[in-house]
C-alpha atoms as a PDB file:
ATOM      1  CA  UNK A   1      77.995  83.686  61.627  1.00  0.00           C
ATOM      2  CA  UNK A   2      77.953  84.463  65.353  1.00  0.00           C
ATOM      3  CA  UNK A   3      79.550  87.492  66.913  1.00  0.00           C
ATOM      4  CA  UNK A   4      82.385  86.880  69.351  1.00  0.00           C
ATOM      5  CA  UNK A   5      81.375  87.670  72.921  1.00  0.00           C
ATOM      6  CA  UNK A   6      82.944  90.873  74.207  1.00  0.00           C
ATOM      7  CA  UNK A   7      85.299  90.316  77.154  1.00  0.00           C
ATOM      8  CA  UNK A   8      84.965  93.010  79.835  1.00  0.00           C
ATOM      9  CA  UNK A   9      88.285  94.719  80.587  1.00  0.00           C
ATOM     10  CA  UNK A  10      89.223  96.508  83.795  1.00  0.00           C
ATOM     11  CA  UNK A  11      92.338  98.407  84.860  1.00  0.00           C
ATOM     12  CA  UNK A  12      94.536  97.185  87.687  1.00  0.00           C
ATOM     13  CA  UNK A  13      95.041 100.157  90.043  1.00  0.00           C
ATOM     14  CA  UNK A  14      98.615  99.051  90.796  1.00  0.00           C
ATOM     15  CA  UNK A  15     100.062  98.226  87.360  1.00  0.00           C
ATOM     16  CA  UNK A  16      97.636 100.337  85.258  1.00  0.00           C
ATOM     17  CA  UNK A  17      97.268  97.398  82.852  1.00  0.00           C
ATOM     18  CA  UNK A  18      93.961  96.663  81.161  1.00  0.00           C
ATOM     19  CA  UNK A  19      93.107  93.001  81.773  1.00  0.00           C
ATOM     20  CA  UNK A  20      90.069  90.748  81.440  1.00  0.00           C
ATOM     21  CA  UNK A  21      87.858  91.076  84.524  1.00  0.00           C
ATOM     22  CA  UNK A  22      88.414  87.401  85.426  1.00  0.00           C
ATOM     23  CA  UNK A  23      92.164  88.045  85.913  1.00  0.00           C
ATOM     24  CA  UNK A  24      91.514  90.715  88.562  1.00  0.00           C
ATOM     25  CA  UNK A  25      90.119  90.848  92.091  1.00  0.00           C
ATOM     26  CA  UNK A  26      87.723  93.614  93.102  1.00  0.00           C
ATOM     27  CA  UNK A  27      88.005  95.438  96.410  1.00  0.00           C
ATOM     28  CA  UNK A  28      84.884  97.393  97.446  1.00  0.00           C
ATOM     29  CA  UNK A  29      84.047 100.270  99.790  1.00  0.00           C
ATOM     30  CA  UNK A  30      80.315 100.241 100.527  1.00  0.00           C
ATOM     31  CA  UNK A  31      78.071 103.099 101.736  1.00  0.00           C
ATOM     32  CA  UNK A  32      78.830 102.253 105.368  1.00  0.00           C
ATOM     33  CA  UNK A  33      82.561 102.737 104.704  1.00  0.00           C
ATOM     34  CA  UNK A  34      83.434  99.051 105.048  1.00  0.00           C
ATOM     35  CA  UNK A  35      86.236  97.825 102.772  1.00  0.00           C
ATOM     36  CA  UNK A  36      86.297  94.175 101.745  1.00  0.00           C
ATOM     37  CA  UNK A  37      87.328  91.779  98.969  1.00  0.00           C
ATOM     38  CA  UNK A  38      84.516  91.150  96.469  1.00  0.00           C
ATOM     39  CA  UNK A  39      85.205  87.748  94.913  1.00  0.00           C
ATOM     40  CA  UNK A  40      81.968  87.832  92.870  1.00  0.00           C
ATOM     41  CA  UNK A  41      82.681  91.296  91.442  1.00  0.00           C
ATOM     42  CA  UNK A  42      78.998  92.232  91.838  1.00  0.00           C
ATOM     43  CA  UNK A  43      78.653  93.850  95.255  1.00  0.00           C
ATOM     44  CA  UNK A  44      77.420  97.439  95.526  1.00  0.00           C
ATOM     45  CA  UNK A  45      79.918 100.186  96.227  1.00  0.00           C
ATOM     46  CA  UNK A  46      83.032 101.887  94.951  1.00  0.00           C
ATOM     47  CA  UNK A  47      85.364  99.287  93.479  1.00  0.00           C
ATOM     48  CA  UNK A  48      89.041  99.030  92.635  1.00  0.00           C
ATOM     49  CA  UNK A  49      90.619  96.144  90.747  1.00  0.00           C
ATOM     50  CA  UNK A  50      93.931  94.469  91.587  1.00  0.00           C
ATOM     51  CA  UNK A  51      95.745  91.787  89.556  1.00  0.00           C
ATOM     52  CA  UNK A  52      95.680  88.222  90.905  1.00  0.00           C
ATOM     53  CA  UNK A  53      99.419  88.344  91.563  1.00  0.00           C
ATOM     54  CA  UNK A  54     101.000  88.202  95.027  1.00  0.00           C
ATOM     55  CA  UNK A  55     103.798  90.623  94.042  1.00  0.00           C
ATOM     56  CA  UNK A  56     101.275  93.200  92.805  1.00  0.00           C
ATOM     57  CA  UNK A  57      99.236  92.896  96.021  1.00  0.00           C
ATOM     58  CA  UNK A  58     102.376  93.320  98.151  1.00  0.00           C
ATOM     59  CA  UNK A  59     103.266  96.439  96.151  1.00  0.00           C
ATOM     60  CA  UNK A  60      99.723  97.785  96.679  1.00  0.00           C
ATOM     61  CA  UNK A  61     100.059  97.174 100.435  1.00  0.00           C
ATOM     62  CA  UNK A  62     103.481  98.828 100.626  1.00  0.00           C
ATOM     63  CA  UNK A  63     102.274 101.973  98.862  1.00  0.00           C
ATOM     64  CA  UNK A  64      98.718 101.811 100.318  1.00  0.00           C
ATOM     65  CA  UNK A  65      97.308 102.277  96.811  1.00  0.00           C
ATOM     66  CA  UNK A  66      93.792 101.068  97.637  1.00  0.00           C
ATOM     67  CA  UNK A  67      93.313 103.802 100.262  1.00  0.00           C
ATOM     68  CA  UNK A  68      93.864 106.407  97.556  1.00  0.00           C
ATOM     69  CA  UNK A  69      91.468 104.804  95.051  1.00  0.00           C
ATOM     70  CA  UNK A  70      88.704 104.040  97.554  1.00  0.00           C
ATOM     71  CA  UNK A  71      88.996 107.393  99.376  1.00  0.00           C
ATOM     72  CA  UNK A  72      89.209 105.761 102.811  1.00  0.00           C
ATOM     73  CA  UNK A  73      91.752 104.060 105.072  1.00  0.00           C
ATOM     74  CA  UNK A  74      92.252 100.436 103.999  1.00  0.00           C
ATOM     75  CA  UNK A  75      93.354  98.113 106.788  1.00  0.00           C
ATOM     76  CA  UNK A  76      96.214  95.619 106.381  1.00  0.00           C
ATOM     77  CA  UNK A  77      93.686  92.798 106.871  1.00  0.00           C
ATOM     78  CA  UNK A  78      92.167  93.601 103.441  1.00  0.00           C
ATOM     79  CA  UNK A  79      95.567  93.126 101.792  1.00  0.00           C
ATOM     80  CA  UNK A  80      95.993  89.885 103.770  1.00  0.00           C
ATOM     81  CA  UNK A  81      92.603  88.659 102.479  1.00  0.00           C
ATOM     82  CA  UNK A  82      93.709  89.470  98.913  1.00  0.00           C
ATOM     83  CA  UNK A  83      96.900  87.458  99.384  1.00  0.00           C
ATOM     84  CA  UNK A  84      94.973  84.499 100.840  1.00  0.00           C
ATOM     85  CA  UNK A  85      92.590  84.557  97.891  1.00  0.00           C
ATOM     86  CA  UNK A  86      95.421  84.669  95.323  1.00  0.00           C
ATOM     87  CA  UNK A  87      97.357  81.876  97.033  1.00  0.00           C
ATOM     88  CA  UNK A  88      94.146  79.832  97.276  1.00  0.00           C
ATOM     89  CA  UNK A  89      93.524  80.249  93.522  1.00  0.00           C
ATOM     90  CA  UNK A  90      97.058  79.121  92.643  1.00  0.00           C
ATOM     91  CA  UNK A  91      96.715  76.098  94.933  1.00  0.00           C
ATOM     92  CA  UNK A  92      93.698  74.762  92.997  1.00  0.00           C
END
């Protein structure tokens, strides 16, 4: 009898829902202070997870939620990259 593989859960910083890691996108602030979208989920730095949902990303942008969680100013271009990634995933 084999054990079921444990699915890693992470919390979306916008909705506060616990979801499987594959359903979220990670945004990272590295040591240099750069903020970027981490599609692999493995880059070094402080991370925050956001649901792969355009409405959730728009809400995060409106309230500037990522700036609070990453302790730095997050540019609008990061939110735009998140939206492009989500729309690209749905198009596949």
